[in-house]
């Protein structure tokens, strides 16, 4: 579910970029899309690490 939410947020940001900067070149469009993709990959890695840590803590608390 988190992956779908992240993808939707990424898509909305790319669409906003395209409407906010219609004069941007195709290179700039690709550059922003790649930057946002890398950003969301990092966010996804951080989320998975946080979930692993919280799951590990909950096992010890039981």
N, C-alpha and C. Protein backbone atom coordinates (compact mmCIF):
# COMPACT_ATOMS: atom_id res chain seq x y z
N UNK A 1 0.82 -1.20 0.00
CA UNK A 1 0.00 0.00 0.00
C UNK A 1 0.86 1.26 0.00
N UNK A 2 1.96 1.23 0.75
CA UNK A 2 2.85 2.39 0.82
C UNK A 2 3.48 2.65 -0.55
N UNK A 3 3.81 1.58 -1.28
CA UNK A 3 4.40 1.75 -2.61
C UNK A 3 3.44 2.46 -3.55
N UNK A 4 2.17 2.13 -3.46
CA UNK A 4 1.17 2.77 -4.31
C UNK A 4 1.04 4.24 -3.96
N UNK A 5 1.02 4.55 -2.68
CA UNK A 5 0.92 5.95 -2.24
C UNK A 5 2.14 6.73 -2.71
N UNK A 6 3.33 6.15 -2.55
CA UNK A 6 4.55 6.82 -3.01
C UNK A 6 4.51 7.06 -4.51
N UNK A 7 4.03 6.07 -5.26
CA UNK A 7 3.96 6.22 -6.71
C UNK A 7 2.99 7.33 -7.10
N UNK A 8 1.86 7.39 -6.42
CA UNK A 8 0.87 8.43 -6.71
C UNK A 8 1.44 9.81 -6.40
N UNK A 9 2.14 9.94 -5.28
CA UNK A 9 2.76 11.22 -4.93
C UNK A 9 3.79 11.60 -5.99
N UNK A 10 4.62 10.62 -6.42
CA UNK A 10 5.61 10.88 -7.46
C UNK A 10 4.93 11.36 -8.74
N UNK A 11 3.87 10.68 -9.13
CA UNK A 11 3.15 11.04 -10.34
C UNK A 11 2.57 12.46 -10.25
N UNK A 12 1.98 12.79 -9.12
CA UNK A 12 1.41 14.13 -8.93
C UNK A 12 2.51 15.19 -9.02
N UNK A 13 3.67 14.91 -8.43
CA UNK A 13 4.77 15.88 -8.49
C UNK A 13 5.27 16.06 -9.92
N UNK A 14 5.36 14.98 -10.68
CA UNK A 14 5.79 15.09 -12.08
C UNK A 14 4.76 15.89 -12.89
N UNK A 15 3.48 15.63 -12.66
CA UNK A 15 2.43 16.38 -13.36
C UNK A 15 2.48 17.85 -12.98
N UNK A 16 2.64 18.14 -11.69
CA UNK A 16 2.75 19.54 -11.25
C UNK A 16 3.95 20.23 -11.89
N UNK A 17 5.07 19.51 -11.98
CA UNK A 17 6.26 20.07 -12.63
C UNK A 17 5.94 20.45 -14.08
N UNK A 18 5.26 19.54 -14.78
CA UNK A 18 4.96 19.79 -16.19
C UNK A 18 3.99 20.95 -16.38
N UNK A 19 3.05 21.12 -15.47
CA UNK A 19 2.12 22.24 -15.59
C UNK A 19 2.72 23.55 -15.07
N UNK A 20 3.59 23.45 -14.08
CA UNK A 20 4.19 24.66 -13.51
C UNK A 20 5.27 25.23 -14.43
N UNK A 21 5.98 24.33 -15.12
CA UNK A 21 7.07 24.75 -16.00
C UNK A 21 6.85 24.18 -17.41
N UNK A 22 5.85 24.69 -18.13
CA UNK A 22 5.58 24.15 -19.46
C UNK A 22 6.68 24.47 -20.47
N UNK A 23 7.49 25.49 -20.20
CA UNK A 23 8.55 25.87 -21.11
C UNK A 23 9.81 25.02 -20.91
N UNK A 24 9.79 24.09 -19.96
CA UNK A 24 10.96 23.25 -19.70
C UNK A 24 11.25 22.36 -20.91
N UNK A 25 12.53 22.14 -21.12
CA UNK A 25 12.94 21.29 -22.24
C UNK A 25 12.68 19.82 -21.88
N UNK A 26 12.63 18.95 -22.88
CA UNK A 26 12.48 17.52 -22.58
C UNK A 26 13.59 16.99 -21.67
N UNK A 27 14.79 17.51 -21.86
CA UNK A 27 15.90 17.10 -20.99
C UNK A 27 15.61 17.45 -19.53
N UNK A 28 15.11 18.64 -19.29
CA UNK A 28 14.77 19.06 -17.93
C UNK A 28 13.65 18.20 -17.36
N UNK A 29 12.67 17.85 -18.19
CA UNK A 29 11.58 16.98 -17.74
C UNK A 29 12.12 15.62 -17.28
N UNK A 30 12.99 15.06 -18.10
CA UNK A 30 13.58 13.76 -17.75
C UNK A 30 14.44 13.88 -16.51
N UNK A 31 15.21 14.95 -16.42
CA UNK A 31 16.08 15.16 -15.26
C UNK A 31 15.27 15.24 -13.96
N UNK A 32 14.18 15.98 -13.98
CA UNK A 32 13.33 16.10 -12.79
C UNK A 32 12.67 14.77 -12.45
N UNK A 33 12.21 14.04 -13.46
CA UNK A 33 11.58 12.74 -13.21
C UNK A 33 12.60 11.76 -12.60
N UNK A 34 13.82 11.77 -13.11
CA UNK A 34 14.86 10.89 -12.55
C UNK A 34 15.20 11.31 -11.12
N UNK A 35 15.34 12.61 -10.89
CA UNK A 35 15.61 13.10 -9.54
C UNK A 35 14.52 12.67 -8.57
N UNK A 36 13.26 12.86 -8.97
CA UNK A 36 12.16 12.46 -8.10
C UNK A 36 12.14 10.94 -7.88
N UNK A 37 12.48 10.18 -8.90
CA UNK A 37 12.53 8.72 -8.75
C UNK A 37 13.59 8.32 -7.73
N UNK A 38 14.77 8.91 -7.85
CA UNK A 38 15.84 8.61 -6.89
C UNK A 38 15.44 9.03 -5.49
N UNK A 39 14.82 10.19 -5.36
CA UNK A 39 14.35 10.66 -4.06
C UNK A 39 13.36 9.67 -3.45
N UNK A 40 12.42 9.18 -4.26
CA UNK A 40 11.43 8.26 -3.73
C UNK A 40 12.00 6.88 -3.46
N UNK A 41 13.05 6.48 -4.18
CA UNK A 41 13.74 5.22 -3.85
C UNK A 41 14.40 5.35 -2.49
N UNK A 42 15.02 6.48 -2.23
CA UNK A 42 15.65 6.71 -0.92
C UNK A 42 14.59 6.73 0.17
N UNK A 43 13.48 7.39 -0.07
CA UNK A 43 12.39 7.42 0.91
C UNK A 43 11.88 6.00 1.18
N UNK A 44 11.74 5.21 0.12
CA UNK A 44 11.26 3.84 0.27
C UNK A 44 12.25 3.00 1.09
N UNK A 45 13.55 3.19 0.86
CA UNK A 45 14.55 2.47 1.65
C UNK A 45 14.48 2.86 3.12
N UNK A 46 14.33 4.15 3.37
CA UNK A 46 14.22 4.62 4.76
C UNK A 46 12.96 4.07 5.42
N UNK A 47 11.85 4.03 4.68
CA UNK A 47 10.62 3.49 5.23
C UNK A 47 10.77 2.00 5.55
N UNK A 48 11.42 1.26 4.68
CA UNK A 48 11.58 -0.18 4.93
C UNK A 48 12.49 -0.42 6.12
N UNK A 49 13.54 0.38 6.26
CA UNK A 49 14.42 0.24 7.44
C UNK A 49 13.66 0.58 8.72
N UNK A 50 12.85 1.62 8.68
CA UNK A 50 12.07 2.00 9.85
C UNK A 50 11.09 0.89 10.22
N UNK A 51 10.44 0.31 9.20
CA UNK A 51 9.48 -0.77 9.48
C UNK A 51 10.18 -1.99 10.04
N UNK A 52 11.37 -2.30 9.54
CA UNK A 52 12.12 -3.44 10.08
C UNK A 52 12.50 -3.21 11.53
N UNK A 53 12.94 -1.98 11.84
CA UNK A 53 13.30 -1.67 13.22
C UNK A 53 12.09 -1.71 14.14
N UNK A 54 10.97 -1.19 13.68
CA UNK A 54 9.78 -1.19 14.54
C UNK A 54 9.24 -2.60 14.71
N UNK A 55 9.36 -3.45 13.69
CA UNK A 55 8.94 -4.85 13.83
C UNK A 55 9.85 -5.59 14.78
N UNK A 56 11.14 -5.31 14.75
CA UNK A 56 12.08 -5.96 15.65
C UNK A 56 11.80 -5.56 17.09
N UNK A 57 11.48 -4.31 17.32
CA UNK A 57 11.17 -3.85 18.68
C UNK A 57 9.88 -4.49 19.19
N UNK A 58 8.89 -4.63 18.33
CA UNK A 58 7.62 -5.18 18.78
C UNK A 58 7.75 -6.66 19.15
N UNK A 59 8.69 -7.38 18.52
CA UNK A 59 8.88 -8.78 18.86
C UNK A 59 9.44 -8.93 20.28
N UNK A 60 10.30 -7.98 20.68
CA UNK A 60 10.86 -8.06 22.01
C UNK A 60 9.89 -7.60 23.09
N UNK A 61 8.93 -6.78 22.70
CA UNK A 61 7.97 -6.26 23.68
C UNK A 61 6.86 -7.26 23.98
N UNK A 62 6.73 -8.32 23.21
CA UNK A 62 5.62 -9.24 23.44
C UNK A 62 5.88 -10.18 24.58
